[in-house]
């Protein structure tokens, strides 16, 4: 019996079993190593174990997670898994590789992730050959949920509630200007909180200001990352993540204006990932 997991900054999807149709689905909080310490990681793994009939029967664990791009954090996660599942072979990889396995179906292509955060790469002959660093939500992650939320807050706070859009956001939040600033800079996990504001953007997606925000966000994602790959006009761009799915029309428009061929759209890669490891 195996466990396959796809983890972002907000949530982790797990599948447990020996075949897809009968696999058990579990969801926990996200396990980005930049935002969770060892105690938090072990707490989530213990919650996972509680959901299983026999944790000792697990023979393989394949964990694909955001932020797992360096050996130190990968080793930390491997050790935590080994502590909880001593009989299992452990494989911990970056979520970008998981996105490639899920979206490319063994073919060459470019892959982008737009969820709470953002990332991209070129996938060739079964491996990632080029990756423009996304830099995280403070310095980058353009086009992500956190980025769209940040742009929305920026617009509405500078507008000071004068427009219907900004007044509506402030009313939905039930917070003052100072309280919003404090929440972003002092409240912790600001990327998750800002990403949740995309639900407001969905409701008001036809507002000219929201359209401008979405166009700028996806244009920056393409210009800063995708269009820096030599293959950007010749290879398809497969997209993974809820933001790419929800705002597919706006993303597609930005791609078309740059000659980028938008390929497969995968909201959650967990099922094709599970099948990949059977």
Foldseek 3Di string as FASTA:
>chain_A
DAKEWQFEQAKIWIWDDDDLVPTDIDMDGGDAPVADDLVRLLVVVVVVVVPDPDLQPHAEYHYAHANPPDDVSQVSNVVSVCVSHVNYDYHYYHSQLLQCLLWVVQAWFKEWEAELFIWIATAHRSHTDGTDDQPDLVPGRQLHLLQLLVLLLVVLVVVVLPDPLSVVVCVVVVDDPVRVVCCCPPVGPNSVVSSVCVVSCLVVVVPPSSLVSNLVRLLCVCVVTLVVDPCQQPGAYEYEADSCVSPVVSNVVSCVVVNGHHDHYHHDSRSSSVVVVD
